[in-house]
Amino acid sequence: MKQLQENQNFRVVKIELKADACMKRHIATSDACLLVEEGSALLIYSGETYELNKGETFVIPANEQHMLRVINDLKAWIILANGAEIRYAEPDGVYN
């Protein structure tokens, strides 16, 4: 994850993950808008699994635990409130 920009209201983070990578269970302390630039992934959230593909978006409410499993190399953007944190349920949040 790489923070790209922030202002007094928002921060923009870019994620790039290879196929078969997994972003372990985590929460964001604000609503998080995920925008898929390239690739695809499974978002596992609230007992459901959603396949997200290039050009799709998904809004995850604050403090809702979720995880991401990459199907095809993924480039995505996450927009959060400024000052929000991403907190992992397990150490080493991203692995291949």
N, C-alpha and C. Protein backbone atom coordinates (compact mmCIF):
# COMPACT_ATOMS: atom_id res chain seq x y z
N MET A 1 0.84 -1.17 0.00
CA MET A 1 0.00 0.00 0.00
C MET A 1 0.88 1.23 0.00
N LYS A 2 0.45 2.20 -0.77
CA LYS A 2 1.22 3.44 -0.86
C LYS A 2 0.25 4.61 -0.80
N GLN A 3 0.45 5.49 0.18
CA GLN A 3 -0.39 6.68 0.26
C GLN A 3 0.03 7.64 -0.83
N LEU A 4 -0.94 8.11 -1.62
CA LEU A 4 -0.63 9.00 -2.73
C LEU A 4 -0.91 10.46 -2.41
N GLN A 5 -2.08 10.72 -1.84
CA GLN A 5 -2.45 12.10 -1.54
C GLN A 5 -3.32 12.14 -0.31
N GLU A 6 -3.36 13.31 0.31
CA GLU A 6 -4.31 13.55 1.38
C GLU A 6 -4.56 15.04 1.49
N ASN A 7 -5.73 15.37 1.98
CA ASN A 7 -6.05 16.75 2.32
C ASN A 7 -6.75 16.73 3.67
N GLN A 8 -7.42 17.78 4.04
CA GLN A 8 -8.03 17.81 5.36
C GLN A 8 -9.21 16.84 5.49
N ASN A 9 -9.75 16.35 4.36
CA ASN A 9 -10.91 15.47 4.41
C ASN A 9 -10.63 14.02 4.04
N PHE A 10 -9.77 13.79 3.05
CA PHE A 10 -9.58 12.46 2.49
C PHE A 10 -8.12 12.08 2.35
N ARG A 11 -7.89 10.76 2.26
CA ARG A 11 -6.58 10.27 1.87
C ARG A 11 -6.79 9.19 0.83
N VAL A 12 -5.88 9.13 -0.13
CA VAL A 12 -5.96 8.19 -1.25
C VAL A 12 -4.77 7.26 -1.16
N VAL A 13 -5.07 5.95 -1.16
CA VAL A 13 -4.04 4.92 -1.05
C VAL A 13 -4.14 4.03 -2.29
N LYS A 14 -2.99 3.66 -2.83
CA LYS A 14 -2.97 2.74 -3.97
C LYS A 14 -2.46 1.39 -3.50
N ILE A 15 -3.12 0.33 -3.96
CA ILE A 15 -2.63 -1.02 -3.66
C ILE A 15 -2.35 -1.74 -4.97
N GLU A 16 -1.26 -2.48 -4.98
CA GLU A 16 -0.90 -3.32 -6.11
C GLU A 16 -0.52 -4.67 -5.55
N LEU A 17 -1.26 -5.71 -5.94
CA LEU A 17 -1.02 -7.06 -5.45
C LEU A 17 -1.01 -8.04 -6.61
N LYS A 18 -0.18 -9.03 -6.52
CA LYS A 18 -0.07 -10.06 -7.55
C LYS A 18 -1.19 -11.09 -7.39
N ALA A 19 -1.48 -11.81 -8.49
CA ALA A 19 -2.46 -12.88 -8.46
C ALA A 19 -2.14 -13.84 -7.32
N ASP A 20 -3.15 -14.32 -6.64
CA ASP A 20 -3.07 -15.26 -5.52
C ASP A 20 -2.64 -14.61 -4.21
N ALA A 21 -2.35 -13.31 -4.20
CA ALA A 21 -2.02 -12.63 -2.94
C ALA A 21 -3.31 -12.47 -2.13
N CYS A 22 -3.14 -12.22 -0.86
CA CYS A 22 -4.29 -12.05 0.02
C CYS A 22 -4.01 -10.89 0.97
N MET A 23 -4.97 -10.01 1.09
CA MET A 23 -4.92 -8.96 2.10
C MET A 23 -5.74 -9.51 3.26
N LYS A 24 -5.08 -9.86 4.34
CA LYS A 24 -5.73 -10.54 5.46
C LYS A 24 -6.85 -9.70 6.07
N ARG A 25 -7.60 -10.33 6.95
CA ARG A 25 -8.74 -9.67 7.61
C ARG A 25 -8.30 -8.36 8.25
N HIS A 26 -9.08 -7.32 7.98
CA HIS A 26 -8.77 -6.01 8.52
C HIS A 26 -10.02 -5.14 8.56
N ILE A 27 -9.88 -4.00 9.20
CA ILE A 27 -10.93 -2.98 9.19
C ILE A 27 -10.29 -1.65 8.79
N ALA A 28 -11.12 -0.75 8.35
CA ALA A 28 -10.72 0.65 8.18
C ALA A 28 -11.54 1.44 9.19
N THR A 29 -10.94 2.44 9.80
CA THR A 29 -11.64 3.19 10.83
C THR A 29 -12.55 4.28 10.26
N SER A 30 -12.69 4.33 8.93
CA SER A 30 -13.69 5.17 8.27
C SER A 30 -14.28 4.36 7.13
N ASP A 31 -15.36 4.85 6.55
CA ASP A 31 -15.83 4.21 5.33
C ASP A 31 -14.68 4.19 4.34
N ALA A 32 -14.61 3.13 3.53
CA ALA A 32 -13.55 3.01 2.54
C ALA A 32 -14.17 2.71 1.18
N CYS A 33 -13.81 3.50 0.20
CA CYS A 33 -14.28 3.28 -1.16
C CYS A 33 -13.14 2.62 -1.93
N LEU A 34 -13.36 1.40 -2.43
CA LEU A 34 -12.37 0.64 -3.19
C LEU A 34 -12.72 0.77 -4.67
N LEU A 35 -11.77 1.22 -5.49
CA LEU A 35 -11.95 1.37 -6.93
C LEU A 35 -10.92 0.50 -7.63
N VAL A 36 -11.37 -0.44 -8.46
CA VAL A 36 -10.46 -1.36 -9.14
C VAL A 36 -10.02 -0.74 -10.47
N GLU A 37 -8.72 -0.51 -10.59
CA GLU A 37 -8.15 0.06 -11.82
C GLU A 37 -7.84 -1.05 -12.83
N GLU A 38 -7.23 -2.15 -12.36
CA GLU A 38 -6.88 -3.29 -13.21
C GLU A 38 -7.01 -4.57 -12.41
N GLY A 39 -7.28 -5.67 -13.11
CA GLY A 39 -7.31 -6.98 -12.48
C GLY A 39 -8.64 -7.29 -11.83
N SER A 40 -8.61 -8.28 -10.92
CA SER A 40 -9.83 -8.69 -10.23
C SER A 40 -9.47 -9.32 -8.89
N ALA A 41 -10.46 -9.29 -7.99
CA ALA A 41 -10.25 -9.84 -6.64
C ALA A 41 -11.59 -10.23 -6.05
N LEU A 42 -11.53 -11.08 -5.04
CA LEU A 42 -12.70 -11.43 -4.26
C LEU A 42 -12.66 -10.64 -2.97
N LEU A 43 -13.72 -9.92 -2.70
CA LEU A 43 -13.88 -9.20 -1.44
C LEU A 43 -14.79 -10.04 -0.57
N ILE A 44 -14.27 -10.45 0.59
CA ILE A 44 -15.05 -11.26 1.52
C ILE A 44 -15.44 -10.34 2.67
N TYR A 45 -16.76 -10.12 2.77
CA TYR A 45 -17.26 -9.09 3.67
C TYR A 45 -18.67 -9.46 4.13
N SER A 46 -18.92 -9.38 5.40
CA SER A 46 -20.24 -9.56 5.98
C SER A 46 -20.90 -10.88 5.56
N GLY A 47 -20.09 -11.95 5.55
CA GLY A 47 -20.61 -13.28 5.21
C GLY A 47 -20.87 -13.51 3.74
N GLU A 48 -20.51 -12.57 2.90
CA GLU A 48 -20.71 -12.68 1.45
C GLU A 48 -19.38 -12.54 0.73
N THR A 49 -19.31 -13.06 -0.49
CA THR A 49 -18.12 -12.90 -1.33
C THR A 49 -18.54 -12.16 -2.60
N TYR A 50 -17.81 -11.10 -2.92
CA TYR A 50 -18.11 -10.28 -4.09
C TYR A 50 -16.89 -10.32 -5.01
N GLU A 51 -17.12 -10.58 -6.29
CA GLU A 51 -16.02 -10.49 -7.26
C GLU A 51 -15.99 -9.08 -7.81
N LEU A 52 -14.83 -8.44 -7.67
CA LEU A 52 -14.66 -7.07 -8.16
C LEU A 52 -13.70 -7.10 -9.34
N ASN A 53 -14.09 -6.45 -10.42
CA ASN A 53 -13.29 -6.43 -11.64
C ASN A 53 -12.98 -5.00 -12.05
N LYS A 54 -12.10 -4.88 -13.03
CA LYS A 54 -11.68 -3.57 -13.56
C LYS A 54 -12.88 -2.65 -13.74
N GLY A 55 -12.74 -1.44 -13.18
CA GLY A 55 -13.77 -0.42 -13.34
C GLY A 55 -14.86 -0.44 -12.28
N GLU A 56 -14.85 -1.45 -11.41
CA GLU A 56 -15.90 -1.54 -10.39
C GLU A 56 -15.48 -0.88 -9.08
N THR A 57 -16.47 -0.50 -8.30
CA THR A 57 -16.23 0.11 -7.00
C THR A 57 -17.06 -0.61 -5.94
N PHE A 58 -16.63 -0.44 -4.69
CA PHE A 58 -17.36 -1.02 -3.56
C PHE A 58 -17.09 -0.15 -2.35
N VAL A 59 -18.12 0.21 -1.61
CA VAL A 59 -17.95 1.00 -0.39
C VAL A 59 -18.11 0.06 0.81
N ILE A 60 -17.09 0.05 1.65
CA ILE A 60 -17.08 -0.79 2.85
C ILE A 60 -17.27 0.14 4.05
N PRO A 61 -18.31 -0.09 4.85
CA PRO A 61 -18.55 0.78 6.01
C PRO A 61 -17.40 0.69 7.04
N ALA A 62 -17.23 1.75 7.77
CA ALA A 62 -16.20 1.82 8.81
C ALA A 62 -16.33 0.66 9.79
N ASN A 63 -15.18 0.15 10.22
CA ASN A 63 -15.07 -0.87 11.27
C ASN A 63 -15.72 -2.20 10.93
N GLU A 64 -15.96 -2.47 9.65
CA GLU A 64 -16.48 -3.76 9.21
C GLU A 64 -15.31 -4.63 8.73
N GLN A 65 -15.14 -5.78 9.36
CA GLN A 65 -14.02 -6.65 9.02
C GLN A 65 -14.23 -7.25 7.62
N HIS A 66 -13.15 -7.27 6.85
CA HIS A 66 -13.20 -7.81 5.49
C HIS A 66 -11.81 -8.26 5.08
N MET A 67 -11.73 -8.98 3.95
CA MET A 67 -10.45 -9.40 3.40
C MET A 67 -10.56 -9.43 1.89
N LEU A 68 -9.41 -9.49 1.23
CA LEU A 68 -9.34 -9.44 -0.22
C LEU A 68 -8.44 -10.55 -0.71
N ARG A 69 -8.92 -11.35 -1.67
CA ARG A 69 -8.12 -12.39 -2.32
C ARG A 69 -8.01 -12.04 -3.80
N VAL A 70 -6.78 -11.89 -4.27
CA VAL A 70 -6.55 -11.44 -5.64
C VAL A 70 -6.66 -12.60 -6.62
N ILE A 71 -7.44 -12.40 -7.67
CA ILE A 71 -7.60 -13.40 -8.74
C ILE A 71 -6.56 -13.12 -9.82
N ASN A 72 -6.60 -11.91 -10.37
CA ASN A 72 -5.64 -11.46 -11.39
C ASN A 72 -4.93 -10.23 -10.85
N ASP A 73 -3.65 -10.08 -11.21
CA ASP A 73 -2.86 -8.94 -10.71
C ASP A 73 -3.76 -7.72 -10.55
N LEU A 74 -3.71 -7.13 -9.37
CA LEU A 74 -4.65 -6.08 -8.99
C LEU A 74 -3.96 -4.74 -8.78
N LYS A 75 -4.55 -3.71 -9.36
CA LYS A 75 -4.21 -2.33 -9.05
C LYS A 75 -5.52 -1.67 -8.66
N ALA A 76 -5.53 -1.06 -7.47
CA ALA A 76 -6.77 -0.46 -6.99
C ALA A 76 -6.44 0.77 -6.14
N TRP A 77 -7.45 1.58 -5.93
CA TRP A 77 -7.36 2.78 -5.12
C TRP A 77 -8.33 2.63 -3.96
N ILE A 78 -7.93 3.13 -2.80
CA ILE A 78 -8.80 3.16 -1.63
C ILE A 78 -8.88 4.62 -1.19
N ILE A 79 -10.09 5.09 -1.02
CA ILE A 79 -10.30 6.46 -0.53
C ILE A 79 -10.91 6.36 0.86
N LEU A 80 -10.22 6.98 1.82
CA LEU A 80 -10.61 6.96 3.23
C LEU A 80 -10.68 8.38 3.77
N ALA A 81 -11.31 8.53 4.91
CA ALA A 81 -11.26 9.82 5.60
C ALA A 81 -9.83 10.08 6.05
N ASN A 82 -9.41 11.34 6.02
CA ASN A 82 -8.08 11.68 6.51
C ASN A 82 -7.99 11.30 7.98
N GLY A 83 -6.90 10.68 8.36
CA GLY A 83 -6.71 10.24 9.73
C GLY A 83 -7.19 8.83 9.98
N ALA A 84 -7.89 8.24 9.02
CA ALA A 84 -8.37 6.86 9.18
C ALA A 84 -7.19 5.90 9.13
N GLU A 85 -7.35 4.77 9.79
CA GLU A 85 -6.32 3.75 9.81
C GLU A 85 -6.88 2.44 9.26
N ILE A 86 -5.98 1.62 8.75
CA ILE A 86 -6.31 0.25 8.38
C ILE A 86 -5.67 -0.63 9.44
N ARG A 87 -6.48 -1.41 10.12
CA ARG A 87 -6.00 -2.24 11.22
C ARG A 87 -6.24 -3.71 10.89
N TYR A 88 -5.16 -4.49 10.96
CA TYR A 88 -5.22 -5.91 10.64
C TYR A 88 -5.56 -6.76 11.85
N ALA A 89 -6.35 -7.81 11.62
CA ALA A 89 -6.70 -8.75 12.68
C ALA A 89 -5.52 -9.68 12.98
N GLU A 90 -4.61 -9.81 12.01
CA GLU A 90 -3.44 -10.68 12.14
C GLU A 90 -2.21 -9.89 11.75
N PRO A 91 -1.04 -10.27 12.26
CA PRO A 91 0.19 -9.58 11.85
C PRO A 91 0.49 -9.83 10.37
N ASP A 92 1.36 -9.02 9.80
CA ASP A 92 1.78 -9.19 8.41
C ASP A 92 0.57 -9.19 7.47
N GLY A 93 -0.11 -8.07 7.39
CA GLY A 93 -1.37 -7.96 6.66
C GLY A 93 -1.41 -8.45 5.23
N VAL A 94 -0.32 -8.37 4.50
CA VAL A 94 -0.34 -8.78 3.10
C VAL A 94 0.70 -9.88 2.91
N TYR A 95 0.32 -10.91 2.23
CA TYR A 95 1.28 -11.97 1.94
C TYR A 95 1.04 -12.52 0.55
N ASN A 96 2.04 -13.18 0.02
CA ASN A 96 1.92 -13.82 -1.31
C ASN A 96 1.88 -15.31 -1.14
